[in-house]
Amino acid sequence: MSQVFHRSTNTLSRVSIFGGVFIVGFLVWAWAELNASTYATRAKVPVEQPVPFSHEHHVGGLGIDCRYCHTSVENSSFAGIPPTKTCMNCHSQIWVDAPMLEPVRQSFRTDHSLRWIRVHDLPDYVYFNHSIHVAKGVGCTTCHGQVDKMPLMWQEASLQMSWCLDCHRHPEEYVRPKSEVFSVAYQPPPNQLEIGKDLVKQYHIQSLTSCSTCHR
């Protein structure tokens, strides 16, 4: 019986299989890269707000402590958004006629809250507690970045699970003294690992990586 397919068919078959595997691998890589990109995570993208509040000015320039506005960060799961009254504590005295601050004054007059756009917005199936992280020596800038250098607020990190797990698996690389949690000027020292390991023991930090820790 004569040969049905030409010998070159074998080569074409091998090339096709190899090419198919290569294409599938490329698509998987491309999907992973896209999923981790700022396009998907919205990291480092400034968020437009009803009032262009500048952390760079208020925190970096005026030295206002995080807790002045985010009052519940030490004892609650959420950091809290300041009421308009907090803004007016200062702005009833300074910049009282600034057009940029008219939405703040209107909110105070009408008792209707400003509709701030949430920057760090985790999915509903993720549980995060600010107070426990603060209590264990995780600094504000560790997650939120150098807010004192942000004229408009943006999400510094990806907030993806791999980012969270990196800290949960290696807390000694990130933990700092509790006295420095709210310091935006704090920088990890050269011997961070040595200090971090001591703090992990001192603060009784557990390396929690089970699903139920965050997915409840």
N, C-alpha and C. Protein backbone atom coordinates (compact mmCIF):
# COMPACT_ATOMS: atom_id res chain seq x y z
N MET A 1 0.85 -1.19 0.00
CA MET A 1 0.00 0.00 0.00
C MET A 1 0.88 1.24 0.00
N SER A 2 0.56 2.17 -0.89
CA SER A 2 1.38 3.38 -0.99
C SER A 2 1.18 4.29 0.20
N GLN A 3 2.20 5.09 0.48
CA GLN A 3 2.15 6.02 1.61
C GLN A 3 1.16 7.14 1.32
N VAL A 4 0.24 7.37 2.26
CA VAL A 4 -0.81 8.38 2.05
C VAL A 4 -0.27 9.78 2.24
N PHE A 5 0.50 9.97 3.34
CA PHE A 5 1.02 11.31 3.65
C PHE A 5 2.49 11.42 3.28
N HIS A 6 2.87 12.57 2.84
CA HIS A 6 4.27 12.82 2.52
C HIS A 6 5.10 12.83 3.80
N ARG A 7 6.40 12.50 3.68
CA ARG A 7 7.28 12.45 4.85
C ARG A 7 7.35 13.80 5.59
N SER A 8 7.18 14.88 4.85
CA SER A 8 7.26 16.21 5.48
C SER A 8 6.13 16.45 6.49
N THR A 9 5.09 15.62 6.38
CA THR A 9 3.97 15.76 7.32
C THR A 9 4.41 15.53 8.76
N ASN A 10 5.36 14.62 8.97
CA ASN A 10 5.88 14.37 10.31
C ASN A 10 6.49 15.63 10.90
N THR A 11 7.29 16.31 10.08
CA THR A 11 7.93 17.55 10.55
C THR A 11 6.89 18.61 10.86
N LEU A 12 5.91 18.74 9.97
CA LEU A 12 4.86 19.74 10.19
C LEU A 12 4.07 19.44 11.47
N SER A 13 3.85 18.18 11.74
CA SER A 13 3.11 17.79 12.94
C SER A 13 3.88 18.19 14.20
N ARG A 14 5.20 17.89 14.17
CA ARG A 14 6.02 18.23 15.33
C ARG A 14 6.05 19.75 15.55
N VAL A 15 6.21 20.49 14.47
CA VAL A 15 6.25 21.96 14.55
C VAL A 15 4.92 22.50 15.07
N SER A 16 3.82 21.92 14.61
CA SER A 16 2.49 22.36 15.03
C SER A 16 2.28 22.13 16.53
N ILE A 17 2.71 20.95 17.00
CA ILE A 17 2.56 20.64 18.43
C ILE A 17 3.41 21.58 19.27
N PHE A 18 4.67 21.75 18.84
CA PHE A 18 5.55 22.66 19.57
C PHE A 18 4.99 24.09 19.56
N GLY A 19 4.52 24.52 18.38
CA GLY A 19 3.96 25.86 18.27
C GLY A 19 2.73 26.04 19.13
N GLY A 20 1.88 24.99 19.19
CA GLY A 20 0.68 25.07 20.03
C GLY A 20 1.03 25.22 21.50
N VAL A 21 2.01 24.42 21.95
CA VAL A 21 2.45 24.51 23.35
C VAL A 21 3.03 25.89 23.64
N PHE A 22 3.82 26.40 22.69
CA PHE A 22 4.43 27.72 22.85
C PHE A 22 3.36 28.82 22.93
N ILE A 23 2.34 28.72 22.08
CA ILE A 23 1.28 29.72 22.07
C ILE A 23 0.48 29.69 23.37
N VAL A 24 0.16 28.49 23.84
CA VAL A 24 -0.57 28.36 25.11
C VAL A 24 0.26 28.94 26.26
N GLY A 25 1.55 28.61 26.27
CA GLY A 25 2.43 29.14 27.31
C GLY A 25 2.51 30.66 27.26
N PHE A 26 2.57 31.20 26.05
CA PHE A 26 2.62 32.66 25.89
C PHE A 26 1.34 33.31 26.39
N LEU A 27 0.20 32.71 26.08
CA LEU A 27 -1.07 33.26 26.51
C LEU A 27 -1.20 33.24 28.03
N VAL A 28 -0.73 32.16 28.65
CA VAL A 28 -0.75 32.09 30.12
C VAL A 28 0.15 33.16 30.72
N TRP A 29 1.34 33.33 30.15
CA TRP A 29 2.27 34.38 30.62
C TRP A 29 1.67 35.78 30.44
N ALA A 30 1.06 36.01 29.28
CA ALA A 30 0.47 37.31 28.99
C ALA A 30 -0.68 37.62 29.95
N TRP A 31 -1.49 36.60 30.25
CA TRP A 31 -2.59 36.79 31.20
C TRP A 31 -2.07 37.13 32.59
N ALA A 32 -1.01 36.43 33.03
CA ALA A 32 -0.44 36.69 34.35
C ALA A 32 0.14 38.10 34.42
N GLU A 33 0.82 38.52 33.36
CA GLU A 33 1.39 39.87 33.32
C GLU A 33 0.30 40.93 33.33
N LEU A 34 -0.75 40.71 32.59
CA LEU A 34 -1.86 41.66 32.55
C LEU A 34 -2.56 41.73 33.90
N ASN A 35 -2.72 40.58 34.54
CA ASN A 35 -3.40 40.53 35.83
C ASN A 35 -2.61 41.26 36.91
N ALA A 36 -1.27 41.30 36.75
CA ALA A 36 -0.42 41.97 37.75
C ALA A 36 -0.10 43.41 37.36
N SER A 37 -0.55 43.84 36.21
CA SER A 37 -0.24 45.19 35.74
C SER A 37 -1.10 46.24 36.42
N THR A 38 -0.67 47.49 36.32
CA THR A 38 -1.45 48.59 36.90
C THR A 38 -2.79 48.75 36.19
N TYR A 39 -2.89 48.26 34.96
CA TYR A 39 -4.17 48.33 34.24
C TYR A 39 -5.23 47.52 34.98
N ALA A 40 -4.83 46.38 35.53
CA ALA A 40 -5.78 45.52 36.24
C ALA A 40 -5.90 45.90 37.71
N THR A 41 -4.77 46.22 38.36
CA THR A 41 -4.79 46.50 39.79
C THR A 41 -5.10 47.95 40.12
N ARG A 42 -4.92 48.84 39.15
CA ARG A 42 -5.11 50.29 39.33
C ARG A 42 -4.10 50.89 40.30
N ALA A 43 -3.00 50.18 40.54
CA ALA A 43 -1.95 50.68 41.44
C ALA A 43 -1.25 51.87 40.80
N LYS A 44 -0.91 52.84 41.63
CA LYS A 44 -0.18 54.04 41.23
C LYS A 44 -0.96 54.94 40.26
N VAL A 45 -2.26 54.75 40.25
CA VAL A 45 -3.11 55.61 39.42
C VAL A 45 -3.85 56.58 40.34
N PRO A 46 -3.57 57.87 40.26
CA PRO A 46 -4.26 58.85 41.14
C PRO A 46 -5.77 58.79 40.95
N VAL A 47 -6.49 58.89 42.07
CA VAL A 47 -7.94 58.81 42.05
C VAL A 47 -8.52 60.21 42.22
N GLU A 48 -9.34 60.60 41.29
CA GLU A 48 -9.97 61.93 41.36
C GLU A 48 -11.06 61.93 42.42
N GLN A 49 -11.05 62.93 43.28
CA GLN A 49 -11.99 63.04 44.38
C GLN A 49 -12.86 64.29 44.21
N PRO A 50 -13.97 64.38 44.96
CA PRO A 50 -14.81 65.59 44.88
C PRO A 50 -14.07 66.84 45.32
N VAL A 51 -13.08 66.65 46.20
CA VAL A 51 -12.18 67.73 46.62
C VAL A 51 -10.76 67.19 46.49
N PRO A 52 -9.87 67.89 45.81
CA PRO A 52 -8.50 67.37 45.60
C PRO A 52 -7.66 67.43 46.87
N PHE A 53 -7.96 66.53 47.80
CA PHE A 53 -7.24 66.50 49.08
C PHE A 53 -5.81 66.02 48.85
N SER A 54 -4.84 66.75 49.38
CA SER A 54 -3.43 66.41 49.19
C SER A 54 -2.81 65.91 50.48
N HIS A 55 -2.47 64.62 50.51
CA HIS A 55 -1.72 64.09 51.65
C HIS A 55 -0.32 64.70 51.70
N GLU A 56 0.22 65.02 50.54
CA GLU A 56 1.54 65.64 50.49
C GLU A 56 1.55 66.95 51.27
N HIS A 57 0.51 67.74 51.13
CA HIS A 57 0.41 69.02 51.84
C HIS A 57 0.08 68.82 53.32
N HIS A 58 -0.95 68.02 53.60
CA HIS A 58 -1.43 67.90 54.98
C HIS A 58 -0.50 67.04 55.85
N VAL A 59 0.01 65.96 55.29
CA VAL A 59 0.89 65.06 56.06
C VAL A 59 2.35 65.49 55.95
N GLY A 60 2.82 65.61 54.70
CA GLY A 60 4.23 65.96 54.50
C GLY A 60 4.54 67.39 54.86
N GLY A 61 3.65 68.33 54.47
CA GLY A 61 3.91 69.74 54.73
C GLY A 61 3.55 70.19 56.12
N LEU A 62 2.33 69.83 56.58
CA LEU A 62 1.85 70.30 57.88
C LEU A 62 2.13 69.31 59.02
N GLY A 63 2.47 68.10 58.67
CA GLY A 63 2.81 67.11 59.70
C GLY A 63 1.62 66.57 60.47
N ILE A 64 0.44 66.56 59.85
CA ILE A 64 -0.75 66.05 60.53
C ILE A 64 -0.66 64.53 60.66
N ASP A 65 -0.89 64.04 61.86
CA ASP A 65 -0.83 62.61 62.14
C ASP A 65 -1.99 61.87 61.46
N CYS A 66 -1.72 60.65 61.01
CA CYS A 66 -2.74 59.84 60.34
C CYS A 66 -4.01 59.73 61.19
N ARG A 67 -3.83 59.60 62.50
CA ARG A 67 -4.96 59.33 63.38
C ARG A 67 -5.88 60.53 63.58
N TYR A 68 -5.43 61.70 63.18
CA TYR A 68 -6.29 62.87 63.31
C TYR A 68 -7.51 62.74 62.41
N CYS A 69 -7.31 62.19 61.22
CA CYS A 69 -8.42 61.98 60.28
C CYS A 69 -8.96 60.57 60.34
N HIS A 70 -8.06 59.59 60.43
CA HIS A 70 -8.47 58.18 60.44
C HIS A 70 -8.52 57.72 61.90
N THR A 71 -9.57 58.14 62.57
CA THR A 71 -9.64 58.01 64.03
C THR A 71 -9.82 56.58 64.54
N SER A 72 -10.36 55.70 63.73
CA SER A 72 -10.68 54.35 64.21
C SER A 72 -9.62 53.32 63.84
N VAL A 73 -8.50 53.75 63.27
CA VAL A 73 -7.53 52.81 62.73
C VAL A 73 -6.90 51.92 63.80
N GLU A 74 -6.85 52.39 65.06
CA GLU A 74 -6.20 51.61 66.11
C GLU A 74 -7.12 50.62 66.80
N ASN A 75 -8.42 50.80 66.64
CA ASN A 75 -9.34 49.93 67.39
C ASN A 75 -10.48 49.37 66.56
N SER A 76 -10.36 49.44 65.25
CA SER A 76 -11.44 48.95 64.39
C SER A 76 -10.86 48.28 63.16
N SER A 77 -11.71 47.55 62.48
CA SER A 77 -11.27 46.88 61.25
C SER A 77 -11.04 47.88 60.13
N PHE A 78 -11.69 49.04 60.21
CA PHE A 78 -11.54 50.05 59.16
C PHE A 78 -10.89 51.31 59.72
N ALA A 79 -10.18 52.01 58.85
CA ALA A 79 -9.46 53.21 59.28
C ALA A 79 -10.39 54.40 59.47
N GLY A 80 -11.47 54.43 58.72
CA GLY A 80 -12.45 55.50 58.85
C GLY A 80 -12.15 56.68 57.94
N ILE A 81 -13.21 57.30 57.45
CA ILE A 81 -13.12 58.52 56.66
C ILE A 81 -13.55 59.67 57.56
N PRO A 82 -12.79 60.75 57.63
CA PRO A 82 -13.14 61.84 58.55
C PRO A 82 -14.43 62.53 58.15
N PRO A 83 -15.25 62.91 59.13
CA PRO A 83 -16.44 63.70 58.83
C PRO A 83 -16.04 65.11 58.40
N THR A 84 -16.94 65.80 57.76
CA THR A 84 -16.65 67.16 57.28
C THR A 84 -16.21 68.06 58.43
N LYS A 85 -16.74 67.81 59.62
CA LYS A 85 -16.38 68.64 60.79
C LYS A 85 -14.88 68.62 61.03
N THR A 86 -14.24 67.50 60.76
CA THR A 86 -12.79 67.41 60.94
C THR A 86 -12.08 68.38 60.00
N CYS A 87 -12.55 68.46 58.76
CA CYS A 87 -11.97 69.40 57.80
C CYS A 87 -12.19 70.84 58.26
N MET A 88 -13.39 71.10 58.76
CA MET A 88 -13.76 72.46 59.13
C MET A 88 -13.09 72.92 60.42
N ASN A 89 -12.54 72.01 61.19
CA ASN A 89 -11.78 72.42 62.37
C ASN A 89 -10.68 73.41 61.98
N CYS A 90 -10.09 73.17 60.82
CA CYS A 90 -9.05 74.08 60.32
C CYS A 90 -9.62 75.08 59.32
N HIS A 91 -10.46 74.58 58.42
CA HIS A 91 -10.87 75.41 57.29
C HIS A 91 -12.01 76.37 57.60
N SER A 92 -12.44 76.42 58.84
CA SER A 92 -13.29 77.53 59.28
C SER A 92 -12.44 78.73 59.66
N GLN A 93 -11.12 78.50 59.71
CA GLN A 93 -10.18 79.56 60.08
C GLN A 93 -9.25 79.94 58.93
N ILE A 94 -8.89 78.98 58.10
CA ILE A 94 -7.96 79.25 57.00
C ILE A 94 -8.56 78.80 55.68
N TRP A 95 -8.20 79.48 54.62
CA TRP A 95 -8.72 79.20 53.28
C TRP A 95 -10.24 79.18 53.28
N VAL A 96 -10.82 80.10 54.01
CA VAL A 96 -12.28 80.09 54.22
C VAL A 96 -13.06 80.43 52.95
N ASP A 97 -12.42 81.11 52.00
CA ASP A 97 -13.13 81.49 50.77
C ASP A 97 -12.59 80.79 49.53
N ALA A 98 -11.74 79.79 49.71
CA ALA A 98 -11.15 79.11 48.56
C ALA A 98 -12.23 78.37 47.77
N PRO A 99 -12.36 78.67 46.48
CA PRO A 99 -13.38 77.99 45.66
C PRO A 99 -13.22 76.47 45.67
N MET A 100 -11.99 76.00 45.75
CA MET A 100 -11.72 74.57 45.73
C MET A 100 -12.39 73.86 46.91
N LEU A 101 -12.58 74.60 48.03
CA LEU A 101 -13.12 74.00 49.24
C LEU A 101 -14.62 74.23 49.41
N GLU A 102 -15.27 74.78 48.39
CA GLU A 102 -16.71 75.02 48.49
C GLU A 102 -17.49 73.74 48.74
N PRO A 103 -17.15 72.59 48.10
CA PRO A 103 -17.87 71.35 48.42
C PRO A 103 -17.78 70.98 49.90
N VAL A 104 -16.67 71.29 50.55
CA VAL A 104 -16.52 71.01 51.97
C VAL A 104 -17.45 71.90 52.78
N ARG A 105 -17.47 73.18 52.45
CA ARG A 105 -18.33 74.12 53.18
C ARG A 105 -19.81 73.79 52.96
N GLN A 106 -20.15 73.42 51.73
CA GLN A 106 -21.53 73.04 51.44
C GLN A 106 -21.94 71.79 52.22
N SER A 107 -21.03 70.82 52.29
CA SER A 107 -21.29 69.61 53.06
C SER A 107 -21.54 69.94 54.53
N PHE A 108 -20.77 70.87 55.05
CA PHE A 108 -20.92 71.25 56.46
C PHE A 108 -22.24 71.99 56.69
N ARG A 109 -22.61 72.86 55.73
CA ARG A 109 -23.85 73.63 55.87
C ARG A 109 -25.08 72.74 55.78
N THR A 110 -25.05 71.79 54.87
CA THR A 110 -26.23 70.95 54.60
C THR A 110 -26.24 69.65 55.40
N ASP A 111 -25.13 69.34 56.04
CA ASP A 111 -25.01 68.09 56.81
C ASP A 111 -25.13 66.86 55.90
N HIS A 112 -24.67 67.02 54.65
CA HIS A 112 -24.62 65.90 53.72
C HIS A 112 -23.15 65.54 53.47
N SER A 113 -22.82 64.31 53.70
CA SER A 113 -21.42 63.88 53.61
C SER A 113 -20.89 63.99 52.18
N LEU A 114 -19.62 64.31 52.08
CA LEU A 114 -18.95 64.27 50.79
C LEU A 114 -18.85 62.82 50.31
N ARG A 115 -18.98 62.62 49.02
CA ARG A 115 -18.89 61.27 48.47
C ARG A 115 -17.46 61.00 48.01
N TRP A 116 -16.61 60.65 48.97
CA TRP A 116 -15.23 60.34 48.64
C TRP A 116 -15.17 59.01 47.88
N ILE A 117 -14.25 58.92 46.95
CA ILE A 117 -14.05 57.68 46.18
C ILE A 117 -13.02 56.82 46.90
N ARG A 118 -13.39 55.61 47.22
CA ARG A 118 -12.50 54.72 47.96
C ARG A 118 -11.30 54.33 47.09
N VAL A 119 -10.11 54.50 47.64
CA VAL A 119 -8.89 54.21 46.90
C VAL A 119 -8.46 52.76 47.10
N HIS A 120 -8.39 52.33 48.35
CA HIS A 120 -7.99 50.95 48.66
C HIS A 120 -9.26 50.14 48.90
N ASP A 121 -9.75 49.55 47.84
CA ASP A 121 -11.04 48.86 47.88
C ASP A 121 -10.86 47.37 47.64
N LEU A 122 -10.82 46.63 48.72
CA LEU A 122 -10.67 45.18 48.62
C LEU A 122 -12.00 44.53 48.22
N PRO A 123 -11.95 43.37 47.57
CA PRO A 123 -13.20 42.67 47.23
C PRO A 123 -13.98 42.32 48.49
N ASP A 124 -15.27 42.13 48.33
CA ASP A 124 -16.14 41.84 49.47
C ASP A 124 -15.79 40.52 50.16
N TYR A 125 -15.14 39.62 49.43
CA TYR A 125 -14.82 38.31 50.02
C TYR A 125 -13.49 38.32 50.78
N VAL A 126 -12.88 39.50 50.91
CA VAL A 126 -11.61 39.62 51.64
C VAL A 126 -11.84 40.38 52.94
N TYR A 127 -11.40 39.78 54.04
CA TYR A 127 -11.50 40.44 55.35
C TYR A 127 -10.14 41.02 55.73
N PHE A 128 -10.14 42.30 56.06
CA PHE A 128 -8.91 42.96 56.49
C PHE A 128 -9.21 43.80 57.72
N ASN A 129 -8.36 43.67 58.74
CA ASN A 129 -8.55 44.41 59.99
C ASN A 129 -7.36 45.34 60.21
N HIS A 130 -7.63 46.65 60.19
CA HIS A 130 -6.55 47.62 60.39
C HIS A 130 -5.94 47.51 61.78
N SER A 131 -6.78 47.36 62.79
CA SER A 131 -6.32 47.45 64.17
C SER A 131 -5.28 46.37 64.52
N ILE A 132 -5.47 45.15 64.03
CA ILE A 132 -4.53 44.08 64.37
C ILE A 132 -3.18 44.31 63.71
N HIS A 133 -3.19 44.87 62.50
CA HIS A 133 -1.93 45.15 61.82
C HIS A 133 -1.17 46.28 62.53
N VAL A 134 -1.91 47.31 62.94
CA VAL A 134 -1.29 48.41 63.69
C VAL A 134 -0.72 47.88 65.00
N ALA A 135 -1.48 47.04 65.68
CA ALA A 135 -1.05 46.51 66.98
C ALA A 135 0.18 45.62 66.87
N LYS A 136 0.40 45.04 65.70
CA LYS A 136 1.54 44.15 65.50
C LYS A 136 2.74 44.85 64.85
N GLY A 137 2.65 46.17 64.70
CA GLY A 137 3.82 46.91 64.21
C GLY A 137 3.93 47.04 62.71
N VAL A 138 2.81 46.97 62.01
CA VAL A 138 2.81 47.19 60.57
C VAL A 138 2.52 48.67 60.32
N GLY A 139 3.46 49.37 59.72
CA GLY A 139 3.32 50.80 59.52
C GLY A 139 2.36 51.17 58.41
N CYS A 140 1.83 52.39 58.49
CA CYS A 140 0.90 52.87 57.45
C CYS A 140 1.56 52.86 56.07
N THR A 141 2.80 53.33 56.00
CA THR A 141 3.46 53.42 54.70
C THR A 141 3.84 52.06 54.13
N THR A 142 3.86 51.03 54.97
CA THR A 142 4.17 49.69 54.48
C THR A 142 3.14 49.26 53.44
N CYS A 143 1.89 49.60 53.68
CA CYS A 143 0.82 49.23 52.74
C CYS A 143 0.42 50.39 51.83
N HIS A 144 0.38 51.59 52.39
CA HIS A 144 -0.16 52.72 51.64
C HIS A 144 0.91 53.54 50.92
N GLY A 145 2.17 53.21 51.13
CA GLY A 145 3.24 53.95 50.47
C GLY A 145 3.49 55.29 51.13
N GLN A 146 4.36 56.07 50.54
CA GLN A 146 4.73 57.38 51.09
C GLN A 146 3.63 58.40 50.78
N VAL A 147 2.59 58.37 51.61
CA VAL A 147 1.45 59.27 51.39
C VAL A 147 1.86 60.73 51.52
N ASP A 148 2.95 60.98 52.25
CA ASP A 148 3.42 62.35 52.42
C ASP A 148 4.00 62.93 51.13
N LYS A 149 4.09 62.10 50.10
CA LYS A 149 4.60 62.55 48.80
C LYS A 149 3.55 62.40 47.70
N MET A 150 2.29 62.23 48.10
CA MET A 150 1.21 62.05 47.15
C MET A 150 0.32 63.28 47.09
N PRO A 151 0.43 64.09 46.04
CA PRO A 151 -0.47 65.24 45.92
C PRO A 151 -1.92 64.81 45.76
N LEU A 152 -2.15 63.70 45.10
CA LEU A 152 -3.45 63.03 45.06
C LEU A 152 -3.22 61.59 45.48
N MET A 153 -4.19 61.03 46.16
CA MET A 153 -4.00 59.69 46.71
C MET A 153 -4.13 58.63 45.62
N TRP A 154 -3.25 57.64 45.71
CA TRP A 154 -3.37 56.49 44.82
C TRP A 154 -3.05 55.22 45.60
N GLN A 155 -3.39 54.10 45.02
CA GLN A 155 -3.12 52.79 45.60
C GLN A 155 -1.68 52.42 45.28
N GLU A 156 -0.85 52.32 46.29
CA GLU A 156 0.58 52.09 46.07
C GLU A 156 0.87 50.64 45.65
N ALA A 157 0.24 49.69 46.32
CA ALA A 157 0.51 48.27 46.06
C ALA A 157 -0.61 47.64 45.24
N SER A 158 -0.36 46.43 44.78
CA SER A 158 -1.35 45.75 43.94
C SER A 158 -2.58 45.31 44.73
N LEU A 159 -2.41 45.03 46.02
CA LEU A 159 -3.45 44.49 46.90
C LEU A 159 -3.88 43.09 46.50
N GLN A 160 -3.10 42.45 45.66
CA GLN A 160 -3.41 41.08 45.27
C GLN A 160 -2.96 40.11 46.37
N MET A 161 -3.49 38.91 46.34
CA MET A 161 -3.24 37.95 47.40
C MET A 161 -1.75 37.64 47.55
N SER A 162 -1.03 37.57 46.46
CA SER A 162 0.40 37.28 46.53
C SER A 162 1.15 38.36 47.30
N TRP A 163 0.69 39.60 47.17
CA TRP A 163 1.31 40.72 47.90
C TRP A 163 1.06 40.58 49.40
N CYS A 164 -0.15 40.23 49.77
CA CYS A 164 -0.48 40.03 51.19
C CYS A 164 0.31 38.85 51.77
N LEU A 165 0.36 37.75 51.01
CA LEU A 165 1.03 36.55 51.50
C LEU A 165 2.52 36.75 51.68
N ASP A 166 3.11 37.62 50.89
CA ASP A 166 4.54 37.88 51.03
C ASP A 166 4.86 38.42 52.42
N CYS A 167 4.02 39.30 52.92
CA CYS A 167 4.21 39.85 54.26
C CYS A 167 3.85 38.83 55.34
N HIS A 168 2.77 38.09 55.11
CA HIS A 168 2.34 37.10 56.10
C HIS A 168 3.37 35.98 56.25
N ARG A 169 4.06 35.66 55.17
CA ARG A 169 5.06 34.60 55.23
C ARG A 169 6.39 35.09 55.79
N HIS A 170 6.68 36.37 55.59
CA HIS A 170 7.96 36.93 56.03
C HIS A 170 7.73 38.24 56.79
N PRO A 171 7.02 38.19 57.90
CA PRO A 171 6.71 39.44 58.64
C PRO A 171 7.95 40.16 59.15
N GLU A 172 9.04 39.44 59.37
CA GLU A 172 10.26 40.07 59.89
C GLU A 172 10.84 41.09 58.91
N GLU A 173 10.45 40.99 57.65
CA GLU A 173 10.97 41.94 56.66
C GLU A 173 10.23 43.28 56.68
N TYR A 174 9.08 43.31 57.35
CA TYR A 174 8.23 44.50 57.26
C TYR A 174 7.87 45.12 58.61
N VAL A 175 7.85 44.32 59.66
CA VAL A 175 7.41 44.84 60.95
C VAL A 175 8.37 45.90 61.47
N ARG A 176 7.84 46.88 62.21
CA ARG A 176 8.65 47.95 62.77
C ARG A 176 8.25 48.19 64.23
N PRO A 177 9.03 48.93 65.00
CA PRO A 177 8.62 49.24 66.37
C PRO A 177 7.27 49.94 66.39
N LYS A 178 6.44 49.64 67.38
CA LYS A 178 5.10 50.22 67.45
C LYS A 178 5.13 51.73 67.51
N SER A 179 6.18 52.28 68.07
CA SER A 179 6.31 53.74 68.18
C SER A 179 6.48 54.40 66.81
N GLU A 180 6.80 53.60 65.79
CA GLU A 180 7.06 54.13 64.46
C GLU A 180 5.97 53.78 63.45
N VAL A 181 4.89 53.17 63.93
CA VAL A 181 3.83 52.72 63.02
C VAL A 181 3.26 53.86 62.20
N PHE A 182 3.07 55.02 62.83
CA PHE A 182 2.42 56.15 62.14
C PHE A 182 3.43 57.16 61.60
N SER A 183 4.69 56.81 61.62
CA SER A 183 5.73 57.70 61.10
C SER A 183 5.88 57.50 59.60
N VAL A 184 5.72 58.60 58.85
CA VAL A 184 5.90 58.50 57.40
C VAL A 184 7.37 58.65 57.01
N ALA A 185 8.19 59.05 57.99
CA ALA A 185 9.62 59.23 57.71
C ALA A 185 10.43 57.97 58.00
N TYR A 186 9.80 56.96 58.59
CA TYR A 186 10.51 55.75 58.99
C TYR A 186 10.98 54.98 57.76
N GLN A 187 12.24 54.54 57.81
CA GLN A 187 12.82 53.70 56.78
C GLN A 187 13.42 52.46 57.44
N PRO A 188 13.23 51.28 56.86
CA PRO A 188 13.80 50.07 57.44
C PRO A 188 15.31 50.20 57.59
N PRO A 189 15.86 49.86 58.74
CA PRO A 189 17.31 49.95 58.95
C PRO A 189 18.05 48.85 58.20
N PRO A 190 19.35 48.97 58.04
CA PRO A 190 20.14 47.94 57.35
C PRO A 190 19.99 46.56 57.98
N ASN A 191 19.82 46.52 59.30
CA ASN A 191 19.67 45.23 60.00
C ASN A 191 18.20 44.91 60.26
N GLN A 192 17.36 45.21 59.29
CA GLN A 192 15.91 45.00 59.43
C GLN A 192 15.58 43.56 59.79
N LEU A 193 16.21 42.60 59.16
CA LEU A 193 15.88 41.20 59.43
C LEU A 193 16.17 40.83 60.88
N GLU A 194 17.27 41.31 61.40
CA GLU A 194 17.64 41.02 62.78
C GLU A 194 16.63 41.65 63.75
N ILE A 195 16.35 42.92 63.52
CA ILE A 195 15.38 43.61 64.37
C ILE A 195 13.99 43.01 64.19
N GLY A 196 13.64 42.72 62.93
CA GLY A 196 12.32 42.18 62.64
C GLY A 196 12.07 40.85 63.33
N LYS A 197 13.06 39.98 63.36
CA LYS A 197 12.89 38.69 64.03
C LYS A 197 12.64 38.86 65.52
N ASP A 198 13.33 39.83 66.12
CA ASP A 198 13.11 40.12 67.54
C ASP A 198 11.70 40.66 67.78
N LEU A 199 11.24 41.53 66.87
CA LEU A 199 9.91 42.12 67.02
C LEU A 199 8.82 41.08 66.80
N VAL A 200 9.05 40.16 65.88
CA VAL A 200 8.08 39.09 65.64
C VAL A 200 7.86 38.29 66.92
N LYS A 201 8.94 37.99 67.63
CA LYS A 201 8.82 37.26 68.90
C LYS A 201 8.18 38.13 69.97
N GLN A 202 8.61 39.38 70.04
CA GLN A 202 8.12 40.31 71.07
C GLN A 202 6.63 40.60 70.91
N TYR A 203 6.17 40.75 69.66
CA TYR A 203 4.76 41.07 69.40
C TYR A 203 3.90 39.83 69.18
N HIS A 204 4.51 38.65 69.31
CA HIS A 204 3.79 37.37 69.14
C HIS A 204 3.09 37.32 67.77
N ILE A 205 3.84 37.64 66.74
CA ILE A 205 3.30 37.65 65.39
C ILE A 205 3.31 36.23 64.82
N GLN A 206 2.16 35.80 64.32
CA GLN A 206 2.05 34.48 63.71
C GLN A 206 2.08 34.62 62.18
N SER A 207 2.65 33.65 61.55
CA SER A 207 2.68 33.64 60.09
C SER A 207 1.41 32.95 59.59
N LEU A 208 0.33 33.72 59.53
CA LEU A 208 -0.98 33.17 59.17
C LEU A 208 -1.15 33.18 57.65
N THR A 209 -1.26 32.01 57.08
CA THR A 209 -1.40 31.91 55.62
C THR A 209 -2.56 31.02 55.20
N SER A 210 -3.37 30.58 56.18
CA SER A 210 -4.51 29.73 55.81
C SER A 210 -5.60 30.59 55.16
N CYS A 211 -6.40 29.96 54.34
CA CYS A 211 -7.43 30.68 53.58
C CYS A 211 -8.39 31.43 54.51
N SER A 212 -8.76 30.80 55.63
CA SER A 212 -9.76 31.38 56.52
C SER A 212 -9.27 32.64 57.24
N THR A 213 -7.99 32.92 57.17
CA THR A 213 -7.48 34.13 57.80
C THR A 213 -8.09 35.38 57.16
N CYS A 214 -8.19 35.37 55.85
CA CYS A 214 -8.71 36.53 55.12
C CYS A 214 -10.05 36.27 54.45
N HIS A 215 -10.36 35.02 54.17
CA HIS A 215 -11.61 34.69 53.49
C HIS A 215 -12.54 34.04 54.51
N ARG A 216 -13.47 34.85 55.02
CA ARG A 216 -14.35 34.35 56.09
C ARG A 216 -15.81 34.33 55.64
